[in-house]
N, C-alpha and C. Protein backbone atom coordinates (compact mmCIF):
# COMPACT_ATOMS: atom_id res chain seq x y z
N MET A 1 18.83 -11.90 -5.39
CA MET A 1 19.04 -10.89 -4.37
C MET A 1 20.52 -10.80 -4.09
N ALA A 2 21.02 -9.58 -3.99
CA ALA A 2 22.44 -9.36 -3.73
C ALA A 2 22.80 -9.80 -2.32
N SER A 3 23.96 -10.39 -2.21
CA SER A 3 24.41 -10.77 -0.87
C SER A 3 25.29 -9.67 -0.32
N GLY A 4 25.43 -9.65 0.98
CA GLY A 4 26.25 -8.65 1.62
C GLY A 4 25.87 -8.54 3.08
N ALA A 5 26.68 -7.84 3.78
CA ALA A 5 26.43 -7.68 5.21
C ALA A 5 25.24 -6.77 5.45
N ILE A 6 24.47 -7.12 6.44
CA ILE A 6 23.37 -6.28 6.87
C ILE A 6 23.97 -5.15 7.69
N PRO A 7 23.57 -3.90 7.43
CA PRO A 7 24.11 -2.79 8.22
C PRO A 7 23.82 -2.95 9.70
N SER A 8 24.61 -2.30 10.50
CA SER A 8 24.40 -2.31 11.95
C SER A 8 23.08 -1.65 12.29
N ASP A 9 22.53 -2.02 13.43
CA ASP A 9 21.32 -1.40 13.95
C ASP A 9 21.59 0.08 14.16
N ASP A 10 20.59 0.91 13.88
CA ASP A 10 20.69 2.35 14.11
C ASP A 10 19.91 2.67 15.38
N PRO A 11 20.60 2.83 16.51
CA PRO A 11 19.89 3.06 17.78
C PRO A 11 19.16 4.40 17.86
N THR A 12 19.39 5.28 16.88
CA THR A 12 18.65 6.55 16.88
C THR A 12 17.23 6.36 16.35
N ARG A 13 16.99 5.24 15.64
CA ARG A 13 15.64 4.94 15.15
C ARG A 13 14.87 4.27 16.27
N THR A 14 13.62 4.65 16.43
CA THR A 14 12.80 4.11 17.51
C THR A 14 11.60 3.36 16.96
N LEU A 15 11.03 2.53 17.80
CA LEU A 15 9.81 1.81 17.46
C LEU A 15 8.68 2.83 17.27
N VAL A 16 7.90 2.65 16.22
CA VAL A 16 6.72 3.49 16.00
C VAL A 16 5.50 2.60 16.22
N HIS A 17 4.64 3.02 17.11
CA HIS A 17 3.42 2.28 17.40
C HIS A 17 2.25 3.23 17.10
N ALA A 18 1.66 3.05 15.95
CA ALA A 18 0.56 3.93 15.52
C ALA A 18 -0.76 3.41 16.07
N ARG A 19 -1.45 4.27 16.77
CA ARG A 19 -2.78 3.94 17.31
C ARG A 19 -3.77 4.93 16.70
N PRO A 20 -4.79 4.45 16.02
CA PRO A 20 -5.70 5.37 15.32
C PRO A 20 -6.43 6.34 16.25
N ASP A 21 -6.49 6.04 17.55
CA ASP A 21 -7.17 6.95 18.48
C ASP A 21 -6.19 7.86 19.23
N ASP A 22 -4.93 7.87 18.81
CA ASP A 22 -3.92 8.72 19.44
C ASP A 22 -4.26 10.19 19.20
N PRO A 23 -4.46 10.99 20.27
CA PRO A 23 -4.82 12.40 20.07
C PRO A 23 -3.71 13.23 19.42
N ALA A 24 -2.50 12.70 19.36
CA ALA A 24 -1.41 13.45 18.74
C ALA A 24 -1.38 13.31 17.22
N LEU A 25 -2.18 12.41 16.66
CA LEU A 25 -2.18 12.22 15.21
C LEU A 25 -2.79 13.43 14.51
N THR A 26 -2.35 13.65 13.28
CA THR A 26 -2.87 14.74 12.47
C THR A 26 -3.93 14.21 11.52
N HIS A 27 -5.09 14.87 11.53
CA HIS A 27 -6.22 14.52 10.67
C HIS A 27 -6.45 15.68 9.70
N LEU A 28 -6.57 15.36 8.42
CA LEU A 28 -6.67 16.38 7.38
C LEU A 28 -7.86 16.13 6.46
N ALA A 29 -8.58 17.19 6.14
CA ALA A 29 -9.63 17.12 5.13
C ALA A 29 -8.97 17.33 3.78
N ILE A 30 -9.06 16.29 2.93
CA ILE A 30 -8.43 16.33 1.61
C ILE A 30 -9.30 15.54 0.63
N ALA A 31 -9.47 16.08 -0.56
CA ALA A 31 -10.13 15.38 -1.67
C ALA A 31 -11.49 14.80 -1.27
N GLY A 32 -12.20 15.52 -0.41
CA GLY A 32 -13.52 15.09 0.00
C GLY A 32 -13.54 14.09 1.14
N GLY A 33 -12.36 13.70 1.64
CA GLY A 33 -12.29 12.72 2.72
C GLY A 33 -11.49 13.25 3.89
N THR A 34 -11.24 12.36 4.86
CA THR A 34 -10.40 12.70 5.99
C THR A 34 -9.24 11.72 6.03
N TYR A 35 -8.03 12.24 5.99
CA TYR A 35 -6.81 11.44 5.99
C TYR A 35 -6.10 11.64 7.32
N THR A 36 -5.74 10.54 7.96
CA THR A 36 -5.00 10.57 9.21
C THR A 36 -3.60 10.04 8.95
N ILE A 37 -2.61 10.83 9.27
CA ILE A 37 -1.23 10.40 9.06
C ILE A 37 -0.83 9.54 10.26
N LEU A 38 -0.73 8.23 10.02
CA LEU A 38 -0.40 7.28 11.09
C LEU A 38 1.09 7.18 11.33
N VAL A 39 1.86 7.11 10.26
CA VAL A 39 3.32 7.00 10.35
C VAL A 39 3.91 7.99 9.35
N THR A 40 4.75 8.87 9.85
CA THR A 40 5.34 9.91 9.00
C THR A 40 6.66 9.46 8.40
N GLY A 41 7.05 10.14 7.34
CA GLY A 41 8.35 9.90 6.76
C GLY A 41 9.47 10.21 7.74
N GLU A 42 9.26 11.18 8.58
CA GLU A 42 10.26 11.51 9.59
C GLU A 42 10.49 10.32 10.52
N GLN A 43 9.43 9.59 10.84
CA GLN A 43 9.55 8.44 11.75
C GLN A 43 10.21 7.24 11.09
N THR A 44 10.26 7.20 9.75
CA THR A 44 10.82 6.05 9.03
C THR A 44 12.09 6.40 8.27
N ALA A 45 12.71 7.51 8.63
CA ALA A 45 13.91 7.98 7.92
C ALA A 45 13.63 8.13 6.42
N GLY A 46 12.40 8.53 6.08
CA GLY A 46 12.03 8.79 4.70
C GLY A 46 11.69 7.57 3.88
N ARG A 47 11.72 6.39 4.49
CA ARG A 47 11.48 5.17 3.73
C ARG A 47 10.04 5.04 3.25
N TYR A 48 9.08 5.40 4.08
CA TYR A 48 7.67 5.33 3.70
C TYR A 48 6.85 6.16 4.66
N CYS A 49 5.59 6.37 4.32
CA CYS A 49 4.60 6.94 5.24
C CYS A 49 3.34 6.10 5.11
N LEU A 50 2.52 6.15 6.16
CA LEU A 50 1.28 5.37 6.18
C LEU A 50 0.14 6.29 6.55
N ILE A 51 -0.90 6.29 5.73
CA ILE A 51 -2.02 7.21 5.88
C ILE A 51 -3.33 6.42 5.91
N ASP A 52 -4.16 6.70 6.90
CA ASP A 52 -5.48 6.10 7.04
C ASP A 52 -6.46 7.06 6.34
N MET A 53 -7.09 6.59 5.28
CA MET A 53 -7.97 7.44 4.47
C MET A 53 -9.42 7.02 4.65
N ARG A 54 -10.25 7.96 5.05
CA ARG A 54 -11.70 7.74 5.11
C ARG A 54 -12.30 8.53 3.95
N VAL A 55 -12.93 7.79 3.04
CA VAL A 55 -13.38 8.38 1.79
C VAL A 55 -14.90 8.22 1.69
N PRO A 56 -15.63 9.34 1.73
CA PRO A 56 -17.09 9.25 1.63
C PRO A 56 -17.52 8.95 0.19
N PRO A 57 -18.77 8.56 0.00
CA PRO A 57 -19.25 8.39 -1.37
C PRO A 57 -18.96 9.65 -2.20
N GLY A 58 -18.41 9.44 -3.38
CA GLY A 58 -18.06 10.54 -4.27
C GLY A 58 -16.68 11.11 -4.03
N GLY A 59 -16.02 10.74 -2.93
CA GLY A 59 -14.71 11.29 -2.60
C GLY A 59 -13.58 10.62 -3.35
N GLY A 60 -12.47 11.32 -3.43
CA GLY A 60 -11.26 10.80 -4.06
C GLY A 60 -10.52 11.91 -4.76
N PRO A 61 -9.23 11.71 -5.02
CA PRO A 61 -8.40 12.74 -5.64
C PRO A 61 -8.60 12.82 -7.15
N PRO A 62 -8.14 13.91 -7.76
CA PRO A 62 -8.18 14.01 -9.22
C PRO A 62 -7.09 13.12 -9.83
N PRO A 63 -7.17 12.89 -11.14
CA PRO A 63 -6.10 12.12 -11.80
C PRO A 63 -4.73 12.77 -11.55
N HIS A 64 -3.74 11.91 -11.29
CA HIS A 64 -2.39 12.38 -10.99
C HIS A 64 -1.40 11.25 -11.20
N ARG A 65 -0.14 11.57 -11.05
CA ARG A 65 0.92 10.56 -11.06
C ARG A 65 2.07 11.11 -10.23
N HIS A 66 2.93 10.24 -9.77
CA HIS A 66 4.08 10.65 -8.96
C HIS A 66 5.17 9.61 -9.09
N ASP A 67 6.38 9.99 -8.66
CA ASP A 67 7.52 9.09 -8.86
C ASP A 67 7.78 8.17 -7.67
N PHE A 68 6.76 7.87 -6.91
CA PHE A 68 6.90 6.93 -5.79
C PHE A 68 5.78 5.90 -5.86
N GLU A 69 6.01 4.76 -5.24
CA GLU A 69 5.02 3.69 -5.17
C GLU A 69 3.93 4.05 -4.17
N GLU A 70 2.73 3.58 -4.45
CA GLU A 70 1.60 3.83 -3.57
C GLU A 70 0.80 2.53 -3.48
N MET A 71 0.59 2.07 -2.25
CA MET A 71 -0.15 0.83 -2.04
C MET A 71 -1.35 1.11 -1.15
N PHE A 72 -2.51 0.64 -1.57
CA PHE A 72 -3.76 0.85 -0.84
C PHE A 72 -4.32 -0.51 -0.40
N THR A 73 -4.68 -0.61 0.87
CA THR A 73 -5.41 -1.77 1.37
C THR A 73 -6.77 -1.26 1.84
N VAL A 74 -7.83 -1.82 1.28
CA VAL A 74 -9.17 -1.39 1.63
C VAL A 74 -9.58 -2.10 2.93
N LEU A 75 -9.90 -1.31 3.95
CA LEU A 75 -10.32 -1.86 5.24
C LEU A 75 -11.84 -2.01 5.31
N ASP A 76 -12.56 -1.03 4.78
CA ASP A 76 -14.02 -1.03 4.79
C ASP A 76 -14.53 -0.48 3.47
N GLY A 77 -15.64 -1.03 3.00
CA GLY A 77 -16.26 -0.51 1.79
C GLY A 77 -15.55 -0.97 0.53
N ALA A 78 -15.65 -0.15 -0.48
CA ALA A 78 -15.05 -0.44 -1.79
C ALA A 78 -14.69 0.87 -2.46
N VAL A 79 -13.66 0.81 -3.30
CA VAL A 79 -13.19 2.00 -4.01
C VAL A 79 -12.86 1.59 -5.44
N GLU A 80 -13.22 2.47 -6.37
CA GLU A 80 -12.91 2.23 -7.78
C GLU A 80 -11.62 2.96 -8.13
N PHE A 81 -10.62 2.20 -8.59
CA PHE A 81 -9.34 2.77 -9.00
C PHE A 81 -9.31 2.83 -10.52
N THR A 82 -8.77 3.92 -11.04
CA THR A 82 -8.52 4.02 -12.47
C THR A 82 -7.01 4.13 -12.64
N PHE A 83 -6.44 3.15 -13.31
CA PHE A 83 -4.99 3.00 -13.48
C PHE A 83 -4.72 2.92 -14.98
N ARG A 84 -3.99 3.93 -15.50
CA ARG A 84 -3.71 4.00 -16.94
C ARG A 84 -4.98 3.84 -17.77
N GLY A 85 -6.07 4.41 -17.28
CA GLY A 85 -7.33 4.40 -18.00
C GLY A 85 -8.20 3.17 -17.77
N GLU A 86 -7.67 2.14 -17.11
CA GLU A 86 -8.43 0.92 -16.83
C GLU A 86 -8.98 0.98 -15.41
N GLN A 87 -10.22 0.52 -15.24
CA GLN A 87 -10.85 0.57 -13.92
C GLN A 87 -10.79 -0.79 -13.23
N ALA A 88 -10.61 -0.72 -11.90
CA ALA A 88 -10.64 -1.91 -11.06
C ALA A 88 -11.28 -1.52 -9.74
N VAL A 89 -12.11 -2.40 -9.21
CA VAL A 89 -12.74 -2.15 -7.92
C VAL A 89 -12.02 -2.98 -6.87
N ALA A 90 -11.62 -2.31 -5.78
CA ALA A 90 -11.01 -3.00 -4.64
C ALA A 90 -12.00 -2.94 -3.49
N ARG A 91 -12.23 -4.09 -2.89
CA ARG A 91 -13.17 -4.21 -1.78
C ARG A 91 -12.42 -4.53 -0.49
N ALA A 92 -13.13 -4.45 0.64
CA ALA A 92 -12.52 -4.69 1.94
C ALA A 92 -11.67 -5.96 1.91
N GLY A 93 -10.44 -5.84 2.40
CA GLY A 93 -9.51 -6.95 2.44
C GLY A 93 -8.59 -7.03 1.24
N GLU A 94 -8.87 -6.24 0.20
CA GLU A 94 -8.05 -6.29 -1.02
C GLU A 94 -7.03 -5.16 -1.03
N THR A 95 -5.95 -5.38 -1.78
CA THR A 95 -4.85 -4.41 -1.87
C THR A 95 -4.59 -4.09 -3.33
N ILE A 96 -4.32 -2.82 -3.58
CA ILE A 96 -3.95 -2.32 -4.92
C ILE A 96 -2.58 -1.64 -4.78
N ASN A 97 -1.67 -1.97 -5.68
CA ASN A 97 -0.38 -1.29 -5.71
C ASN A 97 -0.28 -0.48 -7.00
N ILE A 98 0.05 0.79 -6.87
CA ILE A 98 0.21 1.67 -8.03
C ILE A 98 1.72 1.88 -8.24
N PRO A 99 2.25 1.43 -9.37
CA PRO A 99 3.67 1.65 -9.64
C PRO A 99 4.00 3.14 -9.79
N ALA A 100 5.22 3.49 -9.48
CA ALA A 100 5.69 4.86 -9.65
C ALA A 100 5.47 5.31 -11.10
N ASN A 101 5.14 6.57 -11.25
CA ASN A 101 5.01 7.28 -12.53
C ASN A 101 3.73 6.99 -13.32
N ALA A 102 2.92 6.04 -12.88
CA ALA A 102 1.71 5.66 -13.63
C ALA A 102 0.55 6.61 -13.32
N PRO A 103 -0.16 7.08 -14.34
CA PRO A 103 -1.34 7.91 -14.09
C PRO A 103 -2.44 7.08 -13.43
N HIS A 104 -3.09 7.69 -12.43
CA HIS A 104 -4.12 6.98 -11.69
C HIS A 104 -4.97 7.95 -10.87
N PHE A 105 -6.06 7.44 -10.35
CA PHE A 105 -6.86 8.13 -9.34
C PHE A 105 -7.82 7.10 -8.77
N PHE A 106 -8.48 7.46 -7.69
CA PHE A 106 -9.51 6.59 -7.15
C PHE A 106 -10.72 7.41 -6.77
N ARG A 107 -11.87 6.72 -6.73
CA ARG A 107 -13.13 7.37 -6.40
C ARG A 107 -13.97 6.36 -5.63
N ASN A 108 -14.60 6.84 -4.58
CA ASN A 108 -15.58 6.00 -3.91
C ASN A 108 -16.87 6.16 -4.71
N SER A 109 -17.12 5.23 -5.61
CA SER A 109 -18.27 5.27 -6.51
C SER A 109 -19.48 4.56 -5.92
N PHE A 110 -19.43 4.26 -4.64
CA PHE A 110 -20.47 3.48 -3.99
C PHE A 110 -21.23 4.33 -2.99
N ASP A 111 -22.29 3.78 -2.42
CA ASP A 111 -23.12 4.58 -1.51
C ASP A 111 -22.74 4.43 -0.04
N GLN A 112 -21.64 3.75 0.24
CA GLN A 112 -21.16 3.59 1.61
C GLN A 112 -19.75 4.18 1.74
N PRO A 113 -19.41 4.74 2.90
CA PRO A 113 -18.05 5.25 3.10
C PRO A 113 -17.03 4.11 2.95
N ALA A 114 -15.83 4.47 2.58
CA ALA A 114 -14.74 3.51 2.46
C ALA A 114 -13.59 3.95 3.36
N ARG A 115 -12.81 2.99 3.77
CA ARG A 115 -11.62 3.29 4.57
C ARG A 115 -10.46 2.50 3.99
N LEU A 116 -9.34 3.20 3.77
CA LEU A 116 -8.17 2.60 3.15
C LEU A 116 -6.92 2.91 3.98
N LEU A 117 -5.96 2.03 3.93
CA LEU A 117 -4.62 2.36 4.39
C LEU A 117 -3.80 2.59 3.13
N CYS A 118 -3.05 3.68 3.12
CA CYS A 118 -2.22 4.03 1.96
C CYS A 118 -0.78 4.14 2.42
N MET A 119 0.09 3.33 1.81
CA MET A 119 1.51 3.42 2.09
C MET A 119 2.20 4.00 0.86
N CYS A 120 2.99 5.03 1.07
CA CYS A 120 3.77 5.64 0.00
C CYS A 120 5.24 5.41 0.31
N THR A 121 5.98 4.93 -0.70
CA THR A 121 7.40 4.70 -0.51
C THR A 121 8.17 5.16 -1.73
N PRO A 122 9.15 6.05 -1.54
CA PRO A 122 9.53 6.65 -0.27
C PRO A 122 8.48 7.66 0.21
N ALA A 123 8.69 8.14 1.43
CA ALA A 123 7.77 9.09 2.05
C ALA A 123 7.80 10.43 1.32
N GLY A 124 6.90 11.29 1.70
CA GLY A 124 6.81 12.64 1.14
C GLY A 124 5.37 13.06 0.95
N GLN A 125 4.52 12.09 0.63
CA GLN A 125 3.11 12.40 0.43
C GLN A 125 2.48 12.92 1.72
N ASP A 126 2.97 12.43 2.85
CA ASP A 126 2.48 12.90 4.13
C ASP A 126 2.72 14.40 4.29
N GLU A 127 3.90 14.85 3.89
CA GLU A 127 4.22 16.28 3.98
C GLU A 127 3.39 17.10 2.99
N TYR A 128 3.20 16.57 1.79
CA TYR A 128 2.36 17.26 0.80
C TYR A 128 0.95 17.46 1.36
N PHE A 129 0.39 16.40 1.93
CA PHE A 129 -0.96 16.50 2.49
C PHE A 129 -1.01 17.52 3.63
N LEU A 130 0.03 17.61 4.43
CA LEU A 130 0.06 18.61 5.51
C LEU A 130 -0.01 20.03 4.96
N HIS A 131 0.56 20.23 3.78
CA HIS A 131 0.58 21.57 3.18
C HIS A 131 -0.69 21.92 2.40
N VAL A 132 -1.42 20.90 1.95
CA VAL A 132 -2.59 21.21 1.11
C VAL A 132 -3.92 20.91 1.78
N GLY A 133 -3.92 20.15 2.88
CA GLY A 133 -5.16 19.80 3.56
C GLY A 133 -5.53 20.79 4.64
N ASP A 134 -6.74 20.65 5.14
CA ASP A 134 -7.22 21.45 6.27
C ASP A 134 -7.29 20.55 7.49
N LYS A 135 -6.64 20.95 8.57
CA LYS A 135 -6.68 20.15 9.80
C LYS A 135 -8.10 20.09 10.34
N VAL A 136 -8.49 18.89 10.78
CA VAL A 136 -9.78 18.68 11.41
C VAL A 136 -9.54 17.96 12.74
N ASP A 137 -10.58 17.91 13.57
CA ASP A 137 -10.43 17.42 14.94
C ASP A 137 -10.27 15.91 15.09
N GLY A 138 -10.66 15.14 14.12
CA GLY A 138 -10.56 13.69 14.26
C GLY A 138 -10.88 12.99 12.96
N PRO A 139 -10.73 11.67 12.93
CA PRO A 139 -10.93 10.93 11.68
C PRO A 139 -12.35 10.95 11.14
N THR A 140 -13.31 11.21 12.01
CA THR A 140 -14.70 11.25 11.55
C THR A 140 -15.28 12.66 11.57
N ALA A 141 -14.42 13.66 11.81
CA ALA A 141 -14.88 15.05 11.82
C ALA A 141 -15.29 15.48 10.41
N ALA A 142 -16.30 16.30 10.35
CA ALA A 142 -16.75 16.82 9.06
C ALA A 142 -15.70 17.78 8.50
N PRO A 143 -15.49 17.75 7.19
CA PRO A 143 -14.57 18.73 6.60
C PRO A 143 -15.14 20.13 6.73
N PRO A 144 -14.28 21.13 6.70
CA PRO A 144 -14.80 22.50 6.80
C PRO A 144 -15.64 22.84 5.57
N GLU A 145 -16.64 23.68 5.79
CA GLU A 145 -17.44 24.19 4.67
C GLU A 145 -16.62 25.28 4.00
N LEU A 146 -16.25 25.08 2.75
CA LEU A 146 -15.41 26.03 2.03
C LEU A 146 -16.21 26.78 0.98
N THR A 147 -15.93 28.06 0.87
CA THR A 147 -16.53 28.85 -0.20
C THR A 147 -15.90 28.44 -1.53
N ASP A 148 -16.48 28.87 -2.63
CA ASP A 148 -15.90 28.58 -3.95
C ASP A 148 -14.49 29.14 -4.03
N GLU A 149 -14.27 30.32 -3.47
CA GLU A 149 -12.94 30.93 -3.49
C GLU A 149 -11.95 30.12 -2.68
N GLU A 150 -12.37 29.61 -1.53
CA GLU A 150 -11.49 28.78 -0.69
C GLU A 150 -11.17 27.46 -1.38
N GLN A 151 -12.16 26.87 -2.05
CA GLN A 151 -11.91 25.63 -2.80
C GLN A 151 -10.90 25.87 -3.92
N ALA A 152 -11.05 27.00 -4.63
CA ALA A 152 -10.11 27.35 -5.69
C ALA A 152 -8.71 27.55 -5.12
N GLU A 153 -8.62 28.18 -3.95
CA GLU A 153 -7.31 28.39 -3.32
C GLU A 153 -6.66 27.06 -2.98
N ARG A 154 -7.43 26.07 -2.49
CA ARG A 154 -6.87 24.75 -2.16
C ARG A 154 -6.36 24.06 -3.42
N ARG A 155 -7.14 24.14 -4.50
CA ARG A 155 -6.70 23.52 -5.77
C ARG A 155 -5.43 24.20 -6.29
N ASP A 156 -5.39 25.53 -6.21
CA ASP A 156 -4.21 26.27 -6.68
C ASP A 156 -2.98 25.92 -5.84
N ARG A 157 -3.16 25.80 -4.53
CA ARG A 157 -2.04 25.46 -3.63
C ARG A 157 -1.54 24.05 -3.94
N ALA A 158 -2.46 23.11 -4.12
CA ALA A 158 -2.07 21.73 -4.45
C ALA A 158 -1.28 21.70 -5.76
N ALA A 159 -1.74 22.44 -6.76
CA ALA A 159 -1.05 22.48 -8.05
C ALA A 159 0.32 23.14 -7.92
N ALA A 160 0.40 24.22 -7.15
CA ALA A 160 1.66 24.94 -7.00
C ALA A 160 2.72 24.11 -6.27
N LEU A 161 2.30 23.27 -5.33
CA LEU A 161 3.24 22.48 -4.54
C LEU A 161 3.51 21.09 -5.11
N ALA A 162 2.73 20.67 -6.09
CA ALA A 162 2.81 19.30 -6.60
C ALA A 162 4.23 18.92 -7.02
N ALA A 163 4.87 19.72 -7.84
CA ALA A 163 6.20 19.36 -8.35
C ALA A 163 7.22 19.22 -7.22
N GLU A 164 7.10 20.06 -6.19
CA GLU A 164 8.01 19.97 -5.04
C GLU A 164 7.89 18.62 -4.35
N TYR A 165 6.71 18.01 -4.42
CA TYR A 165 6.48 16.72 -3.79
C TYR A 165 6.40 15.59 -4.81
N ARG A 166 7.06 15.78 -5.96
CA ARG A 166 7.24 14.76 -6.98
C ARG A 166 5.93 14.23 -7.54
N THR A 167 4.96 15.15 -7.67
CA THR A 167 3.61 14.80 -8.14
C THR A 167 3.23 15.67 -9.32
N GLU A 168 2.50 15.09 -10.24
CA GLU A 168 1.95 15.84 -11.37
C GLU A 168 0.44 15.63 -11.36
N LEU A 169 -0.29 16.73 -11.25
CA LEU A 169 -1.76 16.67 -11.32
C LEU A 169 -2.15 16.64 -12.79
N LEU A 170 -3.01 15.72 -13.17
CA LEU A 170 -3.39 15.54 -14.58
C LEU A 170 -4.78 16.10 -14.83
N VAL A 171 -4.98 17.33 -14.41
CA VAL A 171 -6.26 18.01 -14.60
C VAL A 171 -6.01 19.28 -15.38
N PRO A 172 -7.00 19.71 -16.18
CA PRO A 172 -6.80 20.92 -16.97
C PRO A 172 -6.72 22.18 -16.11
């Protein structure tokens, strides 16, 4: 580890205390689940964001990759991760780290809902989700019922914005 002086404290940065029941939090319906943005990149000077993901059976994003690290800690249930074509199951209490640039996706392949904390570093995924998700009233709110046309519009919007948020969707 390099030695050197630690920078001075930045008094413009404030303590962030994320409470999952805070009514000011943003809840989004994305990839079949509900994602709550607990800590934004704006709150961390872009260093990371933290997202609480509730993933129902069958839920999860399509295959993708991005140029930032992504770490998942499973709080409840289990989730199957596919990383560079290899599958691994993470259960409550376990953590998976996805290195930058690696193709991956996850799916709740089980019959019980799962809950994960996802940290992305540096931040940006939080902003992407704000642009592609549908706001819902809370972490357990049902996602909106979307027509086939509305679902296609969400997929098209996610694909159109992916590069801006350093993401590549690996779907045909």
